[in-house]
Amino acid sequence: TYVDSNVRANELVYTYFWTAIDGCG
């Protein structure tokens, strides 16, 4: 879990995605 507290979620639209990286990079 990650809490993104550096946003103005009631004013702006934010879009997110995750990238998974293996142990070899």
PDB file of all heavy atoms in Angstrom:
ATOM      1  N   THR A   1       0.839  -1.190   0.000  1.00  0.00           N
ATOM      2  CA  THR A   1       0.000   0.000   0.000  1.00  0.00           C
ATOM      3  C   THR A   1       0.878   1.245   0.000  1.00  0.00           C
ATOM      4  O   THR A   1       1.886   1.301   0.698  1.00  0.00           O
ATOM      5  CB  THR A   1      -0.911   0.023   1.243  1.00  0.00           C
ATOM      6  OG1 THR A   1      -1.689  -1.170   1.252  1.00  0.00           O
ATOM      7  CG2 THR A   1      -1.828   1.221   1.238  1.00  0.00           C
ATOM      8  N   TYR A   2       0.476   2.236  -0.774  1.00  0.00           N
ATOM      9  CA  TYR A   2       1.162   3.528  -0.816  1.00  0.00           C
ATOM     10  C   TYR A   2       0.102   4.614  -0.695  1.00  0.00           C
ATOM     11  O   TYR A   2      -0.886   4.607  -1.437  1.00  0.00           O
ATOM     12  CB  TYR A   2       1.939   3.682  -2.126  1.00  0.00           C
ATOM     13  CG  TYR A   2       2.625   5.020  -2.247  1.00  0.00           C
ATOM     14  CD1 TYR A   2       3.877   5.220  -1.683  1.00  0.00           C
ATOM     15  CD2 TYR A   2       2.019   6.081  -2.905  1.00  0.00           C
ATOM     16  CE1 TYR A   2       4.510   6.447  -1.778  1.00  0.00           C
ATOM     17  CE2 TYR A   2       2.643   7.317  -3.005  1.00  0.00           C
ATOM     18  CZ  TYR A   2       3.882   7.491  -2.442  1.00  0.00           C
ATOM     19  OH  TYR A   2       4.501   8.706  -2.531  1.00  0.00           O
ATOM     20  N   VAL A   3       0.297   5.545   0.232  1.00  0.00           N
ATOM     21  CA  VAL A   3      -0.612   6.680   0.392  1.00  0.00           C
ATOM     22  C   VAL A   3       0.066   7.901  -0.216  1.00  0.00           C
ATOM     23  O   VAL A   3       1.136   8.314   0.233  1.00  0.00           O
ATOM     24  CB  VAL A   3      -0.942   6.927   1.879  1.00  0.00           C
ATOM     25  CG1 VAL A   3      -1.810   8.167   2.036  1.00  0.00           C
ATOM     26  CG2 VAL A   3      -1.621   5.708   2.486  1.00  0.00           C
ATOM     27  N   ASP A   4      -0.541   8.450  -1.244  1.00  0.00           N
ATOM     28  CA  ASP A   4       0.000   9.621  -1.923  1.00  0.00           C
ATOM     29  C   ASP A   4      -0.602  10.867  -1.286  1.00  0.00           C
ATOM     30  O   ASP A   4      -1.708  11.284  -1.622  1.00  0.00           O
ATOM     31  CB  ASP A   4      -0.319   9.555  -3.420  1.00  0.00           C
ATOM     32  CG  ASP A   4       0.469  10.570  -4.222  1.00  0.00           C
ATOM     33  OD1 ASP A   4       1.257  11.331  -3.629  1.00  0.00           O
ATOM     34  OD2 ASP A   4       0.294  10.605  -5.449  1.00  0.00           O
ATOM     35  N   SER A   5       0.130  11.465  -0.364  1.00  0.00           N
ATOM     36  CA  SER A   5      -0.398  12.617   0.373  1.00  0.00           C
ATOM     37  C   SER A   5       0.003  13.949  -0.260  1.00  0.00           C
ATOM     38  O   SER A   5      -0.389  15.002   0.228  1.00  0.00           O
ATOM     39  CB  SER A   5       0.084  12.558   1.820  1.00  0.00           C
ATOM     40  OG  SER A   5       1.501  12.534   1.860  1.00  0.00           O
ATOM     41  N   ASN A   6       0.752  13.902  -1.356  1.00  0.00           N
ATOM     42  CA  ASN A   6       1.217  15.123  -2.008  1.00  0.00           C
ATOM     43  C   ASN A   6       0.358  15.446  -3.239  1.00  0.00           C
ATOM     44  O   ASN A   6       0.883  15.679  -4.322  1.00  0.00           O
ATOM     45  CB  ASN A   6       2.691  14.972  -2.401  1.00  0.00           C
ATOM     46  CG  ASN A   6       3.310  16.269  -2.831  1.00  0.00           C
ATOM     47  OD1 ASN A   6       2.839  17.339  -2.476  1.00  0.00           O
ATOM     48  ND2 ASN A   6       4.354  16.188  -3.620  1.00  0.00           N
ATOM     49  N   VAL A   7      -0.962  15.414  -3.055  1.00  0.00           N
ATOM     50  CA  VAL A   7      -1.893  15.682  -4.152  1.00  0.00           C
ATOM     51  C   VAL A   7      -3.046  16.563  -3.671  1.00  0.00           C
ATOM     52  O   VAL A   7      -3.270  16.697  -2.480  1.00  0.00           O
ATOM     53  CB  VAL A   7      -2.475  14.372  -4.748  1.00  0.00           C
ATOM     54  CG1 VAL A   7      -1.403  13.549  -5.403  1.00  0.00           C
ATOM     55  CG2 VAL A   7      -3.206  13.569  -3.704  1.00  0.00           C
ATOM     56  N   ARG A   8      -3.754  17.125  -4.642  1.00  0.00           N
ATOM     57  CA  ARG A   8      -4.995  17.873  -4.362  1.00  0.00           C
ATOM     58  C   ARG A   8      -6.123  17.107  -5.045  1.00  0.00           C
ATOM     59  O   ARG A   8      -6.679  17.547  -6.058  1.00  0.00           O
ATOM     60  CB  ARG A   8      -4.882  19.290  -4.879  1.00  0.00           C
ATOM     61  CG  ARG A   8      -3.749  20.076  -4.225  1.00  0.00           C
ATOM     62  CD  ARG A   8      -3.678  21.463  -4.753  1.00  0.00           C
ATOM     63  NE  ARG A   8      -3.771  21.467  -6.205  1.00  0.00           N
ATOM     64  CZ  ARG A   8      -3.247  22.378  -6.988  1.00  0.00           C
ATOM     65  NH1 ARG A   8      -2.584  23.372  -6.495  1.00  0.00           N
ATOM     66  NH2 ARG A   8      -3.390  22.311  -8.300  1.00  0.00           N
ATOM     67  N   ALA A   9      -6.451  15.953  -4.501  1.00  0.00           N
ATOM     68  CA  ALA A   9      -7.367  15.009  -5.141  1.00  0.00           C
ATOM     69  C   ALA A   9      -8.782  15.559  -5.307  1.00  0.00           C
ATOM     70  O   ALA A   9      -9.529  15.076  -6.148  1.00  0.00           O
ATOM     71  CB  ALA A   9      -7.411  13.711  -4.354  1.00  0.00           C
ATOM     72  N   ASN A  10      -9.162  16.565  -4.540  1.00  0.00           N
ATOM     73  CA  ASN A  10     -10.499  17.143  -4.707  1.00  0.00           C
ATOM     74  C   ASN A  10     -10.525  18.223  -5.788  1.00  0.00           C
ATOM     75  O   ASN A  10     -11.585  18.743  -6.117  1.00  0.00           O
ATOM     76  CB  ASN A  10     -11.021  17.698  -3.381  1.00  0.00           C
ATOM     77  CG  ASN A  10     -10.118  18.771  -2.817  1.00  0.00           C
ATOM     78  OD1 ASN A  10      -8.939  18.862  -3.165  1.00  0.00           O
ATOM     79  ND2 ASN A  10     -10.653  19.585  -1.925  1.00  0.00           N
ATOM     80  N   GLU A  11      -9.344  18.564  -6.366  1.00  0.00           N
ATOM     81  CA  GLU A  11      -9.265  19.610  -7.380  1.00  0.00           C
ATOM     82  C   GLU A  11      -8.762  19.116  -8.735  1.00  0.00           C
ATOM     83  O   GLU A  11      -9.147  19.665  -9.767  1.00  0.00           O
ATOM     84  CB  GLU A  11      -8.326  20.720  -6.914  1.00  0.00           C
ATOM     85  CG  GLU A  11      -8.764  21.409  -5.640  1.00  0.00           C
ATOM     86  CD  GLU A  11      -7.718  22.385  -5.144  1.00  0.00           C
ATOM     87  OE1 GLU A  11      -6.894  22.854  -5.955  1.00  0.00           O
ATOM     88  OE2 GLU A  11      -7.707  22.665  -3.937  1.00  0.00           O
ATOM     89  N   LEU A  12      -7.872  18.120  -8.739  1.00  0.00           N
ATOM     90  CA  LEU A  12      -7.210  17.675  -9.965  1.00  0.00           C
ATOM     91  C   LEU A  12      -7.351  16.168 -10.157  1.00  0.00           C
ATOM     92  O   LEU A  12      -7.459  15.419  -9.187  1.00  0.00           O
ATOM     93  CB  LEU A  12      -5.714  18.024  -9.918  1.00  0.00           C
ATOM     94  CG  LEU A  12      -5.373  19.500  -9.784  1.00  0.00           C
ATOM     95  CD1 LEU A  12      -3.891  19.678  -9.495  1.00  0.00           C
ATOM     96  CD2 LEU A  12      -5.753  20.243 -11.053  1.00  0.00           C
ATOM     97  N   VAL A  13      -7.325  15.748 -11.412  1.00  0.00           N
ATOM     98  CA  VAL A  13      -7.352  14.319 -11.726  1.00  0.00           C
ATOM     99  C   VAL A  13      -5.909  13.827 -11.810  1.00  0.00           C
ATOM    100  O   VAL A  13      -5.077  14.407 -12.495  1.00  0.00           O
ATOM    101  CB  VAL A  13      -8.084  14.039 -13.055  1.00  0.00           C
ATOM    102  CG1 VAL A  13      -7.969  12.577 -13.442  1.00  0.00           C
ATOM    103  CG2 VAL A  13      -9.541  14.459 -12.947  1.00  0.00           C
ATOM    104  N   TYR A  14      -5.637  12.733 -11.093  1.00  0.00           N
ATOM    105  CA  TYR A  14      -4.335  12.089 -11.113  1.00  0.00           C
ATOM    106  C   TYR A  14      -4.508  10.683 -11.670  1.00  0.00           C
ATOM    107  O   TYR A  14      -5.468   9.994 -11.325  1.00  0.00           O
ATOM    108  CB  TYR A  14      -3.746  12.008  -9.703  1.00  0.00           C
ATOM    109  CG  TYR A  14      -3.474  13.365  -9.102  1.00  0.00           C
ATOM    110  CD1 TYR A  14      -4.432  14.011  -8.329  1.00  0.00           C
ATOM    111  CD2 TYR A  14      -2.265  14.006  -9.323  1.00  0.00           C
ATOM    112  CE1 TYR A  14      -4.196  15.255  -7.783  1.00  0.00           C
ATOM    113  CE2 TYR A  14      -2.012  15.255  -8.779  1.00  0.00           C
ATOM    114  CZ  TYR A  14      -2.981  15.868  -8.008  1.00  0.00           C
ATOM    115  OH  TYR A  14      -2.742  17.112  -7.470  1.00  0.00           O
ATOM    116  N   THR A  15      -3.597  10.265 -12.503  1.00  0.00           N
ATOM    117  CA  THR A  15      -3.616   8.935 -13.081  1.00  0.00           C
ATOM    118  C   THR A  15      -2.348   8.216 -12.641  1.00  0.00           C
ATOM    119  O   THR A  15      -1.257   8.801 -12.649  1.00  0.00           O
ATOM    120  CB  THR A  15      -3.688   8.999 -14.618  1.00  0.00           C
ATOM    121  OG1 THR A  15      -4.838   9.780 -14.981  1.00  0.00           O
ATOM    122  CG2 THR A  15      -3.807   7.606 -15.223  1.00  0.00           C
ATOM    123  N   TYR A  16      -2.500   6.939 -12.262  1.00  0.00           N
ATOM    124  CA  TYR A  16      -1.395   6.150 -11.720  1.00  0.00           C
ATOM    125  C   TYR A  16      -1.259   4.826 -12.459  1.00  0.00           C
ATOM    126  O   TYR A  16      -2.226   4.309 -13.006  1.00  0.00           O
ATOM    127  CB  TYR A  16      -1.663   5.800 -10.252  1.00  0.00           C
ATOM    128  CG  TYR A  16      -1.766   6.971  -9.328  1.00  0.00           C
ATOM    129  CD1 TYR A  16      -2.982   7.639  -9.142  1.00  0.00           C
ATOM    130  CD2 TYR A  16      -0.670   7.411  -8.614  1.00  0.00           C
ATOM    131  CE1 TYR A  16      -3.092   8.709  -8.278  1.00  0.00           C
ATOM    132  CE2 TYR A  16      -0.765   8.483  -7.735  1.00  0.00           C
ATOM    133  CZ  TYR A  16      -1.973   9.128  -7.569  1.00  0.00           C
ATOM    134  OH  TYR A  16      -2.078  10.184  -6.710  1.00  0.00           O
ATOM    135  N   PHE A  17      -0.043   4.272 -12.429  1.00  0.00           N
ATOM    136  CA  PHE A  17       0.167   2.877 -12.786  1.00  0.00           C
ATOM    137  C   PHE A  17       1.433   2.372 -12.101  1.00  0.00           C
ATOM    138  O   PHE A  17       2.297   3.151 -11.700  1.00  0.00           O
ATOM    139  CB  PHE A  17       0.230   2.666 -14.315  1.00  0.00           C
ATOM    140  CG  PHE A  17       1.515   3.102 -14.976  1.00  0.00           C
ATOM    141  CD1 PHE A  17       2.562   2.207 -15.132  1.00  0.00           C
ATOM    142  CD2 PHE A  17       1.667   4.389 -15.450  1.00  0.00           C
ATOM    143  CE1 PHE A  17       3.743   2.607 -15.740  1.00  0.00           C
ATOM    144  CE2 PHE A  17       2.834   4.787 -16.072  1.00  0.00           C
ATOM    145  CZ  PHE A  17       3.884   3.896 -16.217  1.00  0.00           C
ATOM    146  N   TRP A  18       1.496   1.056 -11.929  1.00  0.00           N
ATOM    147  CA  TRP A  18       2.642   0.384 -11.313  1.00  0.00           C
ATOM    148  C   TRP A  18       3.450  -0.340 -12.385  1.00  0.00           C
ATOM    149  O   TRP A  18       2.888  -0.850 -13.350  1.00  0.00           O
ATOM    150  CB  TRP A  18       2.180  -0.686 -10.334  1.00  0.00           C
ATOM    151  CG  TRP A  18       1.508  -0.210  -9.093  1.00  0.00           C
ATOM    152  CD1 TRP A  18       0.164  -0.083  -8.907  1.00  0.00           C
ATOM    153  CD2 TRP A  18       2.116   0.162  -7.867  1.00  0.00           C
ATOM    154  NE1 TRP A  18      -0.095   0.346  -7.632  1.00  0.00           N
ATOM    155  CE2 TRP A  18       1.101   0.506  -6.972  1.00  0.00           C
ATOM    156  CE3 TRP A  18       3.440   0.228  -7.433  1.00  0.00           C
ATOM    157  CZ2 TRP A  18       1.353   0.905  -5.668  1.00  0.00           C
ATOM    158  CZ3 TRP A  18       3.692   0.640  -6.132  1.00  0.00           C
ATOM    159  CH2 TRP A  18       2.653   0.977  -5.265  1.00  0.00           C
ATOM    160  N   THR A  19       4.756  -0.415 -12.189  1.00  0.00           N
ATOM    161  CA  THR A  19       5.640  -1.248 -12.998  1.00  0.00           C
ATOM    162  C   THR A  19       6.317  -2.229 -12.054  1.00  0.00           C
ATOM    163  O   THR A  19       6.829  -1.832 -10.997  1.00  0.00           O
ATOM    164  CB  THR A  19       6.709  -0.401 -13.717  1.00  0.00           C
ATOM    165  OG1 THR A  19       6.059   0.441 -14.665  1.00  0.00           O
ATOM    166  CG2 THR A  19       7.701  -1.273 -14.455  1.00  0.00           C
ATOM    167  N   ALA A  20       6.313  -3.509 -12.401  1.00  0.00           N
ATOM    168  CA  ALA A  20       6.989  -4.543 -11.605  1.00  0.00           C
ATOM    169  C   ALA A  20       8.336  -4.838 -12.247  1.00  0.00           C
ATOM    170  O   ALA A  20       8.441  -4.983 -13.471  1.00  0.00           O
ATOM    171  CB  ALA A  20       6.144  -5.806 -11.549  1.00  0.00           C
ATOM    172  N   ILE A  21       9.384  -4.927 -11.407  1.00  0.00           N
ATOM    173  CA  ILE A  21      10.746  -5.148 -11.883  1.00  0.00           C
ATOM    174  C   ILE A  21      11.316  -6.352 -11.142  1.00  0.00           C
ATOM    175  O   ILE A  21      11.246  -6.419  -9.907  1.00  0.00           O
ATOM    176  CB  ILE A  21      11.604  -3.896 -11.636  1.00  0.00           C
ATOM    177  CG1 ILE A  21      10.975  -2.711 -12.367  1.00  0.00           C
ATOM    178  CG2 ILE A  21      13.044  -4.122 -12.067  1.00  0.00           C
ATOM    179  CD1 ILE A  21      11.523  -1.380 -11.979  1.00  0.00           C
ATOM    180  N   ASP A  22      11.898  -7.301 -11.899  1.00  0.00           N
ATOM    181  CA  ASP A  22      12.451  -8.491 -11.251  1.00  0.00           C
ATOM    182  C   ASP A  22      13.809  -8.189 -10.606  1.00  0.00           C
ATOM    183  O   ASP A  22      14.339  -7.076 -10.719  1.00  0.00           O
ATOM    184  CB  ASP A  22      12.530  -9.678 -12.222  1.00  0.00           C
ATOM    185  CG  ASP A  22      13.558  -9.516 -13.329  1.00  0.00           C
ATOM    186  OD1 ASP A  22      14.436  -8.627 -13.246  1.00  0.00           O
ATOM    187  OD2 ASP A  22      13.491 -10.304 -14.292  1.00  0.00           O
ATOM    188  N   GLY A  23      14.370  -9.173  -9.936  1.00  0.00           N
ATOM    189  CA  GLY A  23      15.622  -9.013  -9.216  1.00  0.00           C
ATOM    190  C   GLY A  23      16.815  -8.692 -10.092  1.00  0.00           C
ATOM    191  O   GLY A  23      17.851  -8.237  -9.604  1.00  0.00           O
ATOM    192  N   CYS A  24      16.709  -8.905 -11.400  1.00  0.00           N
ATOM    193  CA  CYS A  24      17.789  -8.592 -12.350  1.00  0.00           C
ATOM    194  C   CYS A  24      17.618  -7.207 -12.974  1.00  0.00           C
ATOM    195  O   CYS A  24      18.398  -6.820 -13.844  1.00  0.00           O
ATOM    196  CB  CYS A  24      17.833  -9.651 -13.452  1.00  0.00           C
ATOM    197  SG  CYS A  24      18.258 -11.287 -12.846  1.00  0.00           S
ATOM    198  N   GLY A  25      16.577  -6.482 -12.568  1.00  0.00           N
ATOM    199  CA  GLY A  25      16.348  -5.144 -13.098  1.00  0.00           C
ATOM    200  C   GLY A  25      15.543  -5.098 -14.377  1.00  0.00           C
ATOM    201  O   GLY A  25      15.412  -4.039 -14.984  1.00  0.00           O
TER     202      GLY A  25
END
